[in-house]
Amino acid sequence: MSMNSLKNVKMMEVIDIKSGCKLGYIKDLKIDCHDYKIISIVLPSQRSSIFNRNEDIEIPWERITKIGVDVILVDGGEVYRNNDGRN
């Protein structure tokens, strides 16, 4: 089992395995402090809304398929396309 620091993980590019789209880099993590586990990764959106406010993309940890040397592969599916910022 390999270990990565948070700094190293945030420098890895996130790629959707279904479409091959580059989704960006991890902005933040949502962590369950009670159970000591990561719930989801948060990426900045590439799109901006009508009021020029960017909505974040949240991908559940279960959708991460592989953490490689320099990329993180996720099964994004419709998660990032349908995210309206109200999770």
C-alpha atoms as a PDB file:
ATOM      1  CA  MET A   1       0.000   0.000   0.000  1.00  0.00           C
ATOM      2  CA  SER A   2       1.504   3.332  -1.008  1.00  0.00           C
ATOM      3  CA  MET A   3       1.009   6.466   1.048  1.00  0.00           C
ATOM      4  CA  ASN A   4       0.673  10.030  -0.234  1.00  0.00           C
ATOM      5  CA  SER A   5       0.721  13.292   1.627  1.00  0.00           C
ATOM      6  CA  LEU A   6      -2.169  15.710   1.186  1.00  0.00           C
ATOM      7  CA  LYS A   7       0.191  18.105  -0.578  1.00  0.00           C
ATOM      8  CA  ASN A   8       1.141  15.416  -3.130  1.00  0.00           C
ATOM      9  CA  VAL A   9      -2.472  14.375  -3.709  1.00  0.00           C
ATOM     10  CA  LYS A  10      -3.523  17.983  -4.332  1.00  0.00           C
ATOM     11  CA  MET A  11      -0.872  18.238  -7.064  1.00  0.00           C
ATOM     12  CA  MET A  12      -2.275  15.218  -8.969  1.00  0.00           C
ATOM     13  CA  GLU A  13      -4.606  15.838 -11.893  1.00  0.00           C
ATOM     14  CA  VAL A  14      -8.083  14.276 -11.631  1.00  0.00           C
ATOM     15  CA  ILE A  15      -9.288  12.497 -14.793  1.00  0.00           C
ATOM     16  CA  ASP A  16     -12.704  10.952 -15.539  1.00  0.00           C
ATOM     17  CA  ILE A  17     -12.165   7.385 -16.797  1.00  0.00           C
ATOM     18  CA  LYS A  18     -15.459   7.326 -18.732  1.00  0.00           C
ATOM     19  CA  SER A  19     -14.868  10.399 -20.887  1.00  0.00           C
ATOM     20  CA  GLY A  20     -11.112  10.948 -20.521  1.00  0.00           C
ATOM     21  CA  CYS A  21     -11.830  14.549 -19.497  1.00  0.00           C
ATOM     22  CA  LYS A  22      -9.343  16.334 -17.285  1.00  0.00           C
ATOM     23  CA  LEU A  23     -11.383  17.631 -14.363  1.00  0.00           C
ATOM     24  CA  GLY A  24      -8.639  19.613 -12.664  1.00  0.00           C
ATOM     25  CA  TYR A  25      -6.822  19.430  -9.352  1.00  0.00           C
ATOM     26  CA  ILE A  26      -8.169  18.773  -5.866  1.00  0.00           C
ATOM     27  CA  LYS A  27      -9.151  21.983  -4.110  1.00  0.00           C
ATOM     28  CA  ASP A  28     -10.314  20.423  -0.853  1.00  0.00           C
ATOM     29  CA  LEU A  29     -11.379  17.213   0.862  1.00  0.00           C
ATOM     30  CA  LYS A  30     -14.528  16.534   2.881  1.00  0.00           C
ATOM     31  CA  ILE A  31     -13.633  14.432   5.900  1.00  0.00           C
ATOM     32  CA  ASP A  32     -15.815  12.593   8.406  1.00  0.00           C
ATOM     33  CA  CYS A  33     -13.997  13.413  11.648  1.00  0.00           C
ATOM     34  CA  HIS A  34     -16.118  10.970  13.634  1.00  0.00           C
ATOM     35  CA  ASP A  35     -15.237   7.906  11.495  1.00  0.00           C
ATOM     36  CA  TYR A  36     -11.832   9.248  10.354  1.00  0.00           C
ATOM     37  CA  LYS A  37     -12.447   8.815   6.637  1.00  0.00           C
ATOM     38  CA  ILE A  38     -12.557  10.917   3.492  1.00  0.00           C
ATOM     39  CA  ILE A  39     -16.086  11.445   2.196  1.00  0.00           C
ATOM     40  CA  SER A  40     -15.375  13.272  -1.072  1.00  0.00           C
ATOM     41  CA  ILE A  41     -12.932  15.327  -3.073  1.00  0.00           C
ATOM     42  CA  VAL A  42     -13.760  18.871  -4.129  1.00  0.00           C
ATOM     43  CA  LEU A  43     -12.569  20.356  -7.415  1.00  0.00           C
ATOM     44  CA  PRO A  44     -13.006  23.917  -8.654  1.00  0.00           C
ATOM     45  CA  SER A  45     -15.510  24.147 -11.497  1.00  0.00           C
ATOM     46  CA  GLN A  46     -14.338  25.101 -14.966  1.00  0.00           C
ATOM     47  CA  ARG A  47     -17.612  26.927 -15.556  1.00  0.00           C
ATOM     48  CA  SER A  48     -18.866  30.062 -13.904  1.00  0.00           C
ATOM     49  CA  SER A  49     -22.476  30.916 -13.219  1.00  0.00           C
ATOM     50  CA  ILE A  50     -24.423  33.921 -14.439  1.00  0.00           C
ATOM     51  CA  PHE A  51     -23.192  35.951 -11.455  1.00  0.00           C
ATOM     52  CA  ASN A  52     -19.576  34.977 -12.206  1.00  0.00           C
ATOM     53  CA  ARG A  53     -19.416  32.704  -9.154  1.00  0.00           C
ATOM     54  CA  ASN A  54     -17.721  29.354  -9.685  1.00  0.00           C
ATOM     55  CA  GLU A  55     -19.470  26.277  -8.333  1.00  0.00           C
ATOM     56  CA  ASP A  56     -17.303  23.499  -6.931  1.00  0.00           C
ATOM     57  CA  ILE A  57     -17.435  19.925  -8.190  1.00  0.00           C
ATOM     58  CA  GLU A  58     -17.804  17.293  -5.467  1.00  0.00           C
ATOM     59  CA  ILE A  59     -16.936  13.689  -6.243  1.00  0.00           C
ATOM     60  CA  PRO A  60     -17.673  10.971  -3.646  1.00  0.00           C
ATOM     61  CA  TRP A  61     -14.609   9.029  -2.477  1.00  0.00           C
ATOM     62  CA  GLU A  62     -16.245   5.777  -3.647  1.00  0.00           C
ATOM     63  CA  ARG A  63     -15.966   7.010  -7.257  1.00  0.00           C
ATOM     64  CA  ILE A  64     -12.165   7.150  -7.119  1.00  0.00           C
ATOM     65  CA  THR A  65     -10.973   4.111  -9.030  1.00  0.00           C
ATOM     66  CA  LYS A  66      -7.197   4.558  -8.863  1.00  0.00           C
ATOM     67  CA  ILE A  67      -4.631   6.890  -7.348  1.00  0.00           C
ATOM     68  CA  GLY A  68      -1.535   6.692  -9.495  1.00  0.00           C
ATOM     69  CA  VAL A  69       1.865   8.341  -9.406  1.00  0.00           C
ATOM     70  CA  ASP A  70       0.714  11.656 -10.881  1.00  0.00           C
ATOM     71  CA  VAL A  71      -3.032  11.293 -11.633  1.00  0.00           C
ATOM     72  CA  ILE A  72      -6.225  10.328  -9.850  1.00  0.00           C
ATOM     73  CA  LEU A  73      -8.748   8.386 -11.925  1.00  0.00           C
ATOM     74  CA  VAL A  74     -12.417   8.796 -11.065  1.00  0.00           C
ATOM     75  CA  ASP A  75     -15.663   7.396 -12.397  1.00  0.00           C
ATOM     76  CA  GLY A  76     -17.228  10.846 -12.687  1.00  0.00           C
ATOM     77  CA  GLY A  77     -20.262   9.813 -14.669  1.00  0.00           C
ATOM     78  CA  GLU A  78     -22.940  12.440 -14.245  1.00  0.00           C
ATOM     79  CA  VAL A  79     -21.649  13.598 -10.849  1.00  0.00           C
ATOM     80  CA  TYR A  80     -19.764  16.630 -12.102  1.00  0.00           C
ATOM     81  CA  ARG A  81     -22.108  17.430 -14.996  1.00  0.00           C
ATOM     82  CA  ASN A  82     -25.227  17.638 -12.828  1.00  0.00           C
ATOM     83  CA  ASN A  83     -23.719  19.261  -9.737  1.00  0.00           C
ATOM     84  CA  ASP A  84     -25.564  22.487  -9.010  1.00  0.00           C
ATOM     85  CA  GLY A  85     -23.598  23.329  -5.866  1.00  0.00           C
ATOM     86  CA  ARG A  86     -26.352  22.286  -3.454  1.00  0.00           C
ATOM     87  CA  ASN A  87     -25.065  19.057  -1.905  1.00  0.00           C
END
